Amino acid sequence: MSEERRKLEQIKFIDNETGEEHSLFVLEQTTLNESKYLLVCEDDSDETDAYIFKEVSESDTEITYVPIEDDNEYEALIKVFTELLEDAEIKSGS
């Protein structure tokens, strides 16, 4: 595991459907068309899947994110995150 990967911020997500808490690592974040997005992964290994979430609301105590479902939005974000991470391999497909 690279030194860079060990410094990833870990955040907690609660699945609204199941109530389960999940820990995810933030690989990168960006803003596109005035919306905030996170690129996250399940663990800090080099062999993990990555996911993109969009911020849909923010309060004093929590921020709500949802997975990207629109293919055009997803493809645009893949391009942005690929540029931001230059050396990272991100596989396209939703």
PDB file of N, CA and C in Angstrom:
ATOM      1  N   MET A   1       0.853  -1.172   0.000  1.00  0.00           N
ATOM      2  CA  MET A   1       0.000   0.000   0.000  1.00  0.00           C
ATOM      3  C   MET A   1       0.902   1.238   0.000  1.00  0.00           C
ATOM      4  N   SER A   2       0.618   2.193  -0.859  1.00  0.00           N
ATOM      5  CA  SER A   2       1.448   3.383  -0.965  1.00  0.00           C
ATOM      6  C   SER A   2       1.217   4.317   0.220  1.00  0.00           C
ATOM      7  N   GLU A   3       2.194   5.189   0.459  1.00  0.00           N
ATOM      8  CA  GLU A   3       2.093   6.163   1.546  1.00  0.00           C
ATOM      9  C   GLU A   3       0.875   7.056   1.348  1.00  0.00           C
ATOM     10  N   GLU A   4       0.610   7.454   0.098  1.00  0.00           N
ATOM     11  CA  GLU A   4      -0.546   8.315  -0.203  1.00  0.00           C
ATOM     12  C   GLU A   4      -1.849   7.635   0.194  1.00  0.00           C
ATOM     13  N   ARG A   5      -1.987   6.359  -0.074  1.00  0.00           N
ATOM     14  CA  ARG A   5      -3.224   5.637   0.213  1.00  0.00           C
ATOM     15  C   ARG A   5      -3.484   5.533   1.713  1.00  0.00           C
ATOM     16  N   ARG A   6      -2.443   5.503   2.540  1.00  0.00           N
ATOM     17  CA  ARG A   6      -2.619   5.378   3.988  1.00  0.00           C
ATOM     18  C   ARG A   6      -3.175   6.642   4.618  1.00  0.00           C
ATOM     19  N   LYS A   7      -3.119   7.776   3.921  1.00  0.00           N
ATOM     20  CA  LYS A   7      -3.548   9.045   4.468  1.00  0.00           C
ATOM     21  C   LYS A   7      -4.972   9.413   4.058  1.00  0.00           C
ATOM     22  N   LEU A   8      -5.706   8.497   3.467  1.00  0.00           N
ATOM     23  CA  LEU A   8      -7.061   8.791   3.012  1.00  0.00           C
ATOM     24  C   LEU A   8      -7.984   9.080   4.192  1.00  0.00           C
ATOM     25  N   GLU A   9      -8.829  10.083   4.007  1.00  0.00           N
ATOM     26  CA  GLU A   9      -9.829  10.411   5.026  1.00  0.00           C
ATOM     27  C   GLU A   9     -10.898   9.317   5.040  1.00  0.00           C
ATOM     28  N   GLN A  10     -11.232   8.845   6.206  1.00  0.00           N
ATOM     29  CA  GLN A  10     -12.277   7.836   6.347  1.00  0.00           C
ATOM     30  C   GLN A  10     -13.542   8.517   6.861  1.00  0.00           C
ATOM     31  N   ILE A  11     -14.663   8.236   6.182  1.00  0.00           N
ATOM     32  CA  ILE A  11     -15.940   8.822   6.586  1.00  0.00           C
ATOM     33  C   ILE A  11     -16.952   7.707   6.794  1.00  0.00           C
ATOM     34  N   LYS A  12     -17.989   8.013   7.547  1.00  0.00           N
ATOM     35  CA  LYS A  12     -19.049   7.037   7.839  1.00  0.00           C
ATOM     36  C   LYS A  12     -20.300   7.397   7.054  1.00  0.00           C
ATOM     37  N   PHE A  13     -20.893   6.388   6.437  1.00  0.00           N
ATOM     38  CA  PHE A  13     -22.158   6.543   5.741  1.00  0.00           C
ATOM     39  C   PHE A  13     -23.177   5.629   6.402  1.00  0.00           C
ATOM     40  N   ILE A  14     -24.415   6.078   6.473  1.00  0.00           N
ATOM     41  CA  ILE A  14     -25.505   5.230   6.965  1.00  0.00           C
ATOM     42  C   ILE A  14     -26.443   4.975   5.803  1.00  0.00           C
ATOM     43  N   ASP A  15     -26.654   3.703   5.496  1.00  0.00           N
ATOM     44  CA  ASP A  15     -27.574   3.316   4.430  1.00  0.00           C
ATOM     45  C   ASP A  15     -28.993   3.561   4.918  1.00  0.00           C
ATOM     46  N   ASN A  16     -29.698   4.474   4.285  1.00  0.00           N
ATOM     47  CA  ASN A  16     -31.051   4.829   4.721  1.00  0.00           C
ATOM     48  C   ASN A  16     -32.028   3.669   4.618  1.00  0.00           C
ATOM     49  N   GLU A  17     -31.798   2.738   3.700  1.00  0.00           N
ATOM     50  CA  GLU A  17     -32.695   1.596   3.533  1.00  0.00           C
ATOM     51  C   GLU A  17     -32.506   0.537   4.613  1.00  0.00           C
ATOM     52  N   THR A  18     -31.248   0.277   4.982  1.00  0.00           N
ATOM     53  CA  THR A  18     -30.976  -0.791   5.946  1.00  0.00           C
ATOM     54  C   THR A  18     -30.598  -0.281   7.327  1.00  0.00           C
ATOM     55  N   GLY A  19     -30.193   0.983   7.404  1.00  0.00           N
ATOM     56  CA  GLY A  19     -29.734   1.540   8.671  1.00  0.00           C
ATOM     57  C   GLY A  19     -28.308   1.137   9.019  1.00  0.00           C
ATOM     58  N   GLU A  20     -27.663   0.372   8.132  1.00  0.00           N
ATOM     59  CA  GLU A  20     -26.296  -0.073   8.379  1.00  0.00           C
ATOM     60  C   GLU A  20     -25.303   1.066   8.186  1.00  0.00           C
ATOM     61  N   GLU A  21     -24.275   1.066   9.033  1.00  0.00           N
ATOM     62  CA  GLU A  21     -23.213   2.052   8.913  1.00  0.00           C
ATOM     63  C   GLU A  21     -22.062   1.447   8.125  1.00  0.00           C
ATOM     64  N   HIS A  22     -21.529   2.230   7.171  1.00  0.00           N
ATOM     65  CA  HIS A  22     -20.408   1.798   6.344  1.00  0.00           C
ATOM     66  C   HIS A  22     -19.296   2.827   6.450  1.00  0.00           C
ATOM     67  N   SER A  23     -18.075   2.350   6.521  1.00  0.00           N
ATOM     68  CA  SER A  23     -16.917   3.236   6.477  1.00  0.00           C
ATOM     69  C   SER A  23     -16.385   3.250   5.052  1.00  0.00           C
ATOM     70  N   LEU A  24     -16.154   4.444   4.526  1.00  0.00           N
ATOM     71  CA  LEU A  24     -15.609   4.606   3.188  1.00  0.00           C
ATOM     72  C   LEU A  24     -14.426   5.562   3.247  1.00  0.00           C
ATOM     73  N   PHE A  25     -13.525   5.428   2.295  1.00  0.00           N
ATOM     74  CA  PHE A  25     -12.352   6.285   2.208  1.00  0.00           C
ATOM     75  C   PHE A  25     -12.530   7.258   1.055  1.00  0.00           C
ATOM     76  N   VAL A  26     -12.252   8.525   1.293  1.00  0.00           N
ATOM     77  CA  VAL A  26     -12.389   9.558   0.272  1.00  0.00           C
ATOM     78  C   VAL A  26     -11.113   9.604  -0.561  1.00  0.00           C
ATOM     79  N   LEU A  27     -11.249   9.280  -1.848  1.00  0.00           N
ATOM     80  CA  LEU A  27     -10.122   9.366  -2.767  1.00  0.00           C
ATOM     81  C   LEU A  27      -9.941  10.789  -3.286  1.00  0.00           C
ATOM     82  N   GLU A  28     -11.079  11.441  -3.561  1.00  0.00           N
ATOM     83  CA  GLU A  28     -11.041  12.790  -4.120  1.00  0.00           C
ATOM     84  C   GLU A  28     -12.412  13.415  -3.968  1.00  0.00           C
ATOM     85  N   GLN A  29     -12.466  14.733  -4.062  1.00  0.00           N
ATOM     86  CA  GLN A  29     -13.743  15.438  -4.067  1.00  0.00           C
ATOM     87  C   GLN A  29     -13.659  16.564  -5.083  1.00  0.00           C
ATOM     88  N   THR A  30     -14.796  16.949  -5.637  1.00  0.00           N
ATOM     89  CA  THR A  30     -14.819  18.002  -6.635  1.00  0.00           C
ATOM     90  C   THR A  30     -16.183  18.670  -6.655  1.00  0.00           C
ATOM     91  N   THR A  31     -16.253  19.790  -7.346  1.00  0.00           N
ATOM     92  CA  THR A  31     -17.514  20.490  -7.569  1.00  0.00           C
ATOM     93  C   THR A  31     -17.699  20.613  -9.072  1.00  0.00           C
ATOM     94  N   LEU A  32     -18.892  20.275  -9.550  1.00  0.00           N
ATOM     95  CA  LEU A  32     -19.221  20.364 -10.968  1.00  0.00           C
ATOM     96  C   LEU A  32     -20.627  20.921 -11.080  1.00  0.00           C
ATOM     97  N   ASN A  33     -20.798  21.981 -11.856  1.00  0.00           N
ATOM     98  CA  ASN A  33     -22.107  22.627 -12.008  1.00  0.00           C
ATOM     99  C   ASN A  33     -22.747  22.947 -10.656  1.00  0.00           C
ATOM    100  N   GLU A  34     -21.933  23.475  -9.745  1.00  0.00           N
ATOM    101  CA  GLU A  34     -22.367  23.900  -8.408  1.00  0.00           C
ATOM    102  C   GLU A  34     -22.818  22.758  -7.494  1.00  0.00           C
ATOM    103  N   SER A  35     -22.555  21.512  -7.879  1.00  0.00           N
ATOM    104  CA  SER A  35     -22.852  20.356  -7.023  1.00  0.00           C
ATOM    105  C   SER A  35     -21.532  19.761  -6.539  1.00  0.00           C
ATOM    106  N   LYS A  36     -21.537  19.264  -5.293  1.00  0.00           N
ATOM    107  CA  LYS A  36     -20.343  18.652  -4.710  1.00  0.00           C
ATOM    108  C   LYS A  36     -20.411  17.138  -4.883  1.00  0.00           C
ATOM    109  N   TYR A  37     -19.248  16.528  -5.174  1.00  0.00           N
ATOM    110  CA  TYR A  37     -19.158  15.092  -5.408  1.00  0.00           C
ATOM    111  C   TYR A  37     -17.977  14.511  -4.643  1.00  0.00           C
ATOM    112  N   LEU A  38     -18.136  13.260  -4.237  1.00  0.00           N
ATOM    113  CA  LEU A  38     -17.054  12.514  -3.604  1.00  0.00           C
ATOM    114  C   LEU A  38     -16.765  11.263  -4.420  1.00  0.00           C
ATOM    115  N   LEU A  39     -15.496  10.942  -4.576  1.00  0.00           N
ATOM    116  CA  LEU A  39     -15.068   9.660  -5.114  1.00  0.00           C
ATOM    117  C   LEU A  39     -14.571   8.870  -3.911  1.00  0.00           C
ATOM    118  N   VAL A  40     -15.218   7.762  -3.607  1.00  0.00           N
ATOM    119  CA  VAL A  40     -14.903   6.992  -2.405  1.00  0.00           C
ATOM    120  C   VAL A  40     -14.627   5.536  -2.755  1.00  0.00           C
ATOM    121  N   CYS A  41     -13.974   4.835  -1.824  1.00  0.00           N
ATOM    122  CA  CYS A  41     -13.741   3.401  -1.970  1.00  0.00           C
ATOM    123  C   CYS A  41     -13.999   2.733  -0.619  1.00  0.00           C
ATOM    124  N   GLU A  42     -14.185   1.416  -0.654  1.00  0.00           N
ATOM    125  CA  GLU A  42     -14.555   0.670   0.555  1.00  0.00           C
ATOM    126  C   GLU A  42     -13.387   0.423   1.499  1.00  0.00           C
ATOM    127  N   ASP A  43     -12.178   0.324   0.970  1.00  0.00           N
ATOM    128  CA  ASP A  43     -11.019   0.134   1.834  1.00  0.00           C
ATOM    129  C   ASP A  43      -9.831   0.858   1.221  1.00  0.00           C
ATOM    130  N   ASP A  44      -8.725   0.875   1.918  1.00  0.00           N
ATOM    131  CA  ASP A  44      -7.577   1.632   1.438  1.00  0.00           C
ATOM    132  C   ASP A  44      -6.553   0.766   0.712  1.00  0.00           C
ATOM    133  N   SER A  45      -6.992  -0.369   0.176  1.00  0.00           N
ATOM    134  CA  SER A  45      -6.095  -1.204  -0.618  1.00  0.00           C
ATOM    135  C   SER A  45      -6.088  -0.712  -2.062  1.00  0.00           C
ATOM    136  N   ASP A  46      -5.138  -1.189  -2.834  1.00  0.00           N
ATOM    137  CA  ASP A  46      -5.047  -0.800  -4.238  1.00  0.00           C
ATOM    138  C   ASP A  46      -6.026  -1.579  -5.112  1.00  0.00           C
ATOM    139  N   GLU A  47      -6.715  -2.562  -4.569  1.00  0.00           N
ATOM    140  CA  GLU A  47      -7.606  -3.427  -5.341  1.00  0.00           C
ATOM    141  C   GLU A  47      -9.059  -3.282  -4.898  1.00  0.00           C
ATOM    142  N   THR A  48      -9.552  -2.068  -4.826  1.00  0.00           N
ATOM    143  CA  THR A  48     -10.910  -1.831  -4.358  1.00  0.00           C
ATOM    144  C   THR A  48     -11.722  -1.104  -5.420  1.00  0.00           C
ATOM    145  N   ASP A  49     -13.025  -1.265  -5.383  1.00  0.00           N
ATOM    146  CA  ASP A  49     -13.910  -0.539  -6.289  1.00  0.00           C
ATOM    147  C   ASP A  49     -14.118   0.877  -5.781  1.00  0.00           C
ATOM    148  N   ALA A  50     -14.343   1.805  -6.705  1.00  0.00           N
ATOM    149  CA  ALA A  50     -14.598   3.193  -6.344  1.00  0.00           C
ATOM    150  C   ALA A  50     -16.029   3.557  -6.725  1.00  0.00           C
ATOM    151  N   TYR A  51     -16.607   4.499  -5.984  1.00  0.00           N
ATOM    152  CA  TYR A  51     -17.985   4.938  -6.200  1.00  0.00           C
ATOM    153  C   TYR A  51     -18.033   6.456  -6.175  1.00  0.00           C
ATOM    154  N   ILE A  52     -18.983   7.019  -6.904  1.00  0.00           N
ATOM    155  CA  ILE A  52     -19.162   8.464  -6.917  1.00  0.00           C
ATOM    156  C   ILE A  52     -20.494   8.794  -6.258  1.00  0.00           C
ATOM    157  N   PHE A  53     -20.456   9.728  -5.301  1.00  0.00           N
ATOM    158  CA  PHE A  53     -21.654  10.179  -4.604  1.00  0.00           C
ATOM    159  C   PHE A  53     -21.814  11.682  -4.780  1.00  0.00           C
ATOM    160  N   LYS A  54     -23.060  12.128  -4.872  1.00  0.00           N
ATOM    161  CA  LYS A  54     -23.392  13.541  -5.024  1.00  0.00           C
ATOM    162  C   LYS A  54     -24.013  14.055  -3.734  1.00  0.00           C
ATOM    163  N   GLU A  55     -23.571  15.228  -3.282  1.00  0.00           N
ATOM    164  CA  GLU A  55     -24.169  15.849  -2.110  1.00  0.00           C
ATOM    165  C   GLU A  55     -25.528  16.426  -2.496  1.00  0.00           C
ATOM    166  N   VAL A  56     -26.565  16.015  -1.762  1.00  0.00           N
ATOM    167  CA  VAL A  56     -27.910  16.514  -2.068  1.00  0.00           C
ATOM    168  C   VAL A  56     -28.466  17.417  -0.987  1.00  0.00           C
ATOM    169  N   SER A  57     -27.918  17.368   0.214  1.00  0.00           N
ATOM    170  CA  SER A  57     -28.344  18.283   1.271  1.00  0.00           C
ATOM    171  C   SER A  57     -27.295  18.323   2.368  1.00  0.00           C
ATOM    172  N   GLU A  58     -27.316  19.437   3.093  1.00  0.00           N
ATOM    173  CA  GLU A  58     -26.373  19.615   4.195  1.00  0.00           C
ATOM    174  C   GLU A  58     -27.090  20.344   5.328  1.00  0.00           C
ATOM    175  N   SER A  59     -26.903  19.840   6.538  1.00  0.00           N
ATOM    176  CA  SER A  59     -27.444  20.505   7.721  1.00  0.00           C
ATOM    177  C   SER A  59     -26.277  20.773   8.669  1.00  0.00           C
ATOM    178  N   ASP A  60     -26.581  21.259   9.842  1.00  0.00           N
ATOM    179  CA  ASP A  60     -25.528  21.531  10.825  1.00  0.00           C
ATOM    180  C   ASP A  60     -24.841  20.251  11.298  1.00  0.00           C
ATOM    181  N   THR A  61     -25.554  19.119  11.246  1.00  0.00           N
ATOM    182  CA  THR A  61     -25.007  17.893  11.809  1.00  0.00           C
ATOM    183  C   THR A  61     -24.711  16.792  10.803  1.00  0.00           C
ATOM    184  N   GLU A  62     -25.251  16.876   9.588  1.00  0.00           N
ATOM    185  CA  GLU A  62     -25.000  15.806   8.625  1.00  0.00           C
ATOM    186  C   GLU A  62     -25.102  16.300   7.187  1.00  0.00           C
ATOM    187  N   ILE A  63     -24.432  15.556   6.317  1.00  0.00           N
ATOM    188  CA  ILE A  63     -24.484  15.796   4.884  1.00  0.00           C
ATOM    189  C   ILE A  63     -25.055  14.541   4.249  1.00  0.00           C
ATOM    190  N   THR A  64     -25.974  14.716   3.301  1.00  0.00           N
ATOM    191  CA  THR A  64     -26.580  13.576   2.627  1.00  0.00           C
ATOM    192  C   THR A  64     -26.006  13.456   1.222  1.00  0.00           C
ATOM    193  N   TYR A  65     -25.535  12.250   0.890  1.00  0.00           N
ATOM    194  CA  TYR A  65     -25.003  11.937  -0.435  1.00  0.00           C
ATOM    195  C   TYR A  65     -25.816  10.807  -1.048  1.00  0.00           C
ATOM    196  N   VAL A  66     -25.934  10.843  -2.373  1.00  0.00           N
ATOM    197  CA  VAL A  66     -26.618   9.774  -3.103  1.00  0.00           C
ATOM    198  C   VAL A  66     -25.706   9.293  -4.228  1.00  0.00           C
ATOM    199  N   PRO A  67     -25.835   8.018  -4.611  1.00  0.00           N
ATOM    200  CA  PRO A  67     -25.049   7.516  -5.751  1.00  0.00           C
ATOM    201  C   PRO A  67     -25.483   8.204  -7.045  1.00  0.00           C
ATOM    202  N   ILE A  68     -24.568   8.327  -7.976  1.00  0.00           N
ATOM    203  CA  ILE A  68     -24.869   8.904  -9.280  1.00  0.00           C
ATOM    204  C   ILE A  68     -25.584   7.857 -10.123  1.00  0.00           C
ATOM    205  N   GLU A  69     -26.750   8.212 -10.658  1.00  0.00           N
ATOM    206  CA  GLU A  69     -27.519   7.282 -11.486  1.00  0.00           C
ATOM    207  C   GLU A  69     -27.603   7.716 -12.942  1.00  0.00           C
ATOM    208  N   ASP A  70     -27.412   9.005 -13.217  1.00  0.00           N
ATOM    209  CA  ASP A  70     -27.478   9.524 -14.584  1.00  0.00           C
ATOM    210  C   ASP A  70     -26.173   9.190 -15.313  1.00  0.00           C
ATOM    211  N   ASP A  71     -26.273   8.492 -16.454  1.00  0.00           N
ATOM    212  CA  ASP A  71     -25.078   8.066 -17.190  1.00  0.00           C
ATOM    213  C   ASP A  71     -24.231   9.234 -17.681  1.00  0.00           C
ATOM    214  N   ASN A  72     -24.858  10.306 -18.167  1.00  0.00           N
ATOM    215  CA  ASN A  72     -24.104  11.462 -18.669  1.00  0.00           C
ATOM    216  C   ASN A  72     -23.346  12.157 -17.537  1.00  0.00           C
ATOM    217  N   GLU A  73     -24.023  12.312 -16.404  1.00  0.00           N
ATOM    218  CA  GLU A  73     -23.381  12.921 -15.241  1.00  0.00           C
ATOM    219  C   GLU A  73     -22.218  12.045 -14.770  1.00  0.00           C
ATOM    220  N   TYR A  74     -22.443  10.739 -14.739  1.00  0.00           N
ATOM    221  CA  TYR A  74     -21.421   9.786 -14.313  1.00  0.00           C
ATOM    222  C   TYR A  74     -20.187   9.866 -15.217  1.00  0.00           C
ATOM    223  N   GLU A  75     -20.403   9.855 -16.528  1.00  0.00           N
ATOM    224  CA  GLU A  75     -19.282   9.895 -17.474  1.00  0.00           C
ATOM    225  C   GLU A  75     -18.502  11.203 -17.355  1.00  0.00           C
ATOM    226  N   ALA A  76     -19.200  12.331 -17.167  1.00  0.00           N
ATOM    227  CA  ALA A  76     -18.521  13.618 -16.985  1.00  0.00           C
ATOM    228  C   ALA A  76     -17.652  13.590 -15.728  1.00  0.00           C
ATOM    229  N   LEU A  77     -18.185  13.002 -14.669  1.00  0.00           N
ATOM    230  CA  LEU A  77     -17.435  12.934 -13.403  1.00  0.00           C
ATOM    231  C   LEU A  77     -16.244  11.987 -13.497  1.00  0.00           C
ATOM    232  N   ILE A  78     -16.385  10.902 -14.235  1.00  0.00           N
ATOM    233  CA  ILE A  78     -15.247   9.994 -14.431  1.00  0.00           C
ATOM    234  C   ILE A  78     -14.086  10.770 -15.056  1.00  0.00           C
ATOM    235  N   LYS A  79     -14.394  11.594 -16.053  1.00  0.00           N
ATOM    236  CA  LYS A  79     -13.347  12.384 -16.708  1.00  0.00           C
ATOM    237  C   LYS A  79     -12.691  13.347 -15.717  1.00  0.00           C
ATOM    238  N   VAL A  80     -13.499  14.017 -14.914  1.00  0.00           N
ATOM    239  CA  VAL A  80     -12.968  14.968 -13.934  1.00  0.00           C
ATOM    240  C   VAL A  80     -12.096  14.253 -12.913  1.00  0.00           C
ATOM    241  N   PHE A  81     -12.599  13.160 -12.339  1.00  0.00           N
ATOM    242  CA  PHE A  81     -11.828  12.454 -11.312  1.00  0.00           C
ATOM    243  C   PHE A  81     -10.575  11.809 -11.897  1.00  0.00           C
ATOM    244  N   THR A  82     -10.642  11.345 -13.140  1.00  0.00           N
ATOM    245  CA  THR A  82      -9.457  10.777 -13.777  1.00  0.00           C
ATOM    246  C   THR A  82      -8.370  11.833 -13.895  1.00  0.00           C
ATOM    247  N   GLU A  83      -8.749  13.033 -14.301  1.00  0.00           N
ATOM    248  CA  GLU A  83      -7.782  14.122 -14.388  1.00  0.00           C
ATOM    249  C   GLU A  83      -7.222  14.476 -13.011  1.00  0.00           C
ATOM    250  N   LEU A  84      -8.082  14.489 -11.998  1.00  0.00           N
ATOM    251  CA  LEU A  84      -7.631  14.837 -10.651  1.00  0.00           C
ATOM    252  C   LEU A  84      -6.674  13.802 -10.075  1.00  0.00           C
ATOM    253  N   LEU A  85      -6.895  12.569 -10.422  1.00  0.00           N
ATOM    254  CA  LEU A  85      -6.080  11.492  -9.845  1.00  0.00           C
ATOM    255  C   LEU A  85      -4.953  11.036 -10.766  1.00  0.00           C
ATOM    256  N   GLU A  86      -4.830  11.588 -11.921  1.00  0.00           N
ATOM    257  CA  GLU A  86      -3.863  11.265 -12.957  1.00  0.00           C
ATOM    258  C   GLU A  86      -3.314   9.857 -12.941  1.00  0.00           C
ATOM    259  N   ASP A  87      -2.741   9.385 -11.876  1.00  0.00           N
ATOM    260  CA  ASP A  87      -2.099   8.083 -11.826  1.00  0.00           C
ATOM    261  C   ASP A  87      -3.028   6.948 -11.439  1.00  0.00           C
ATOM    262  N   ALA A  88      -4.256   7.280 -11.013  1.00  0.00           N
ATOM    263  CA  ALA A  88      -5.176   6.240 -10.565  1.00  0.00           C
ATOM    264  C   ALA A  88      -5.897   5.633 -11.753  1.00  0.00           C
ATOM    265  N   GLU A  89      -6.194   4.366 -11.670  1.00  0.00           N
ATOM    266  CA  GLU A  89      -6.939   3.692 -12.721  1.00  0.00           C
ATOM    267  C   GLU A  89      -8.397   3.611 -12.287  1.00  0.00           C
ATOM    268  N   ILE A  90      -9.279   4.316 -13.018  1.00  0.00           N
ATOM    269  CA  ILE A  90     -10.704   4.315 -12.724  1.00  0.00           C
ATOM    270  C   ILE A  90     -11.406   3.657 -13.886  1.00  0.00           C
ATOM    271  N   LYS A  91     -12.144   2.597 -13.614  1.00  0.00           N
ATOM    272  CA  LYS A  91     -12.862   1.891 -14.671  1.00  0.00           C
ATOM    273  C   LYS A  91     -14.224   2.517 -14.863  1.00  0.00           C
ATOM    274  N   SER A  92     -14.552   2.825 -16.087  1.00  0.00           N
ATOM    275  CA  SER A  92     -15.828   3.436 -16.429  1.00  0.00           C
ATOM    276  C   SER A  92     -16.915   2.378 -16.471  1.00  0.00           C
ATOM    277  N   GLY A  93     -18.114   2.759 -16.046  1.00  0.00           N
ATOM    278  CA  GLY A  93     -19.269   1.871 -16.058  1.00  0.00           C
ATOM    279  C   GLY A  93     -20.048   2.072 -14.789  1.00  0.00           C
ATOM    280  N   SER A  94     -21.383   2.114 -14.897  1.00  0.00           N
ATOM    281  CA  SER A  94     -22.172   2.381 -13.698  1.00  0.00           C
ATOM    282  C   SER A  94     -22.896   1.162 -13.226  1.00  0.00           C
TER     283      SER A  94
END
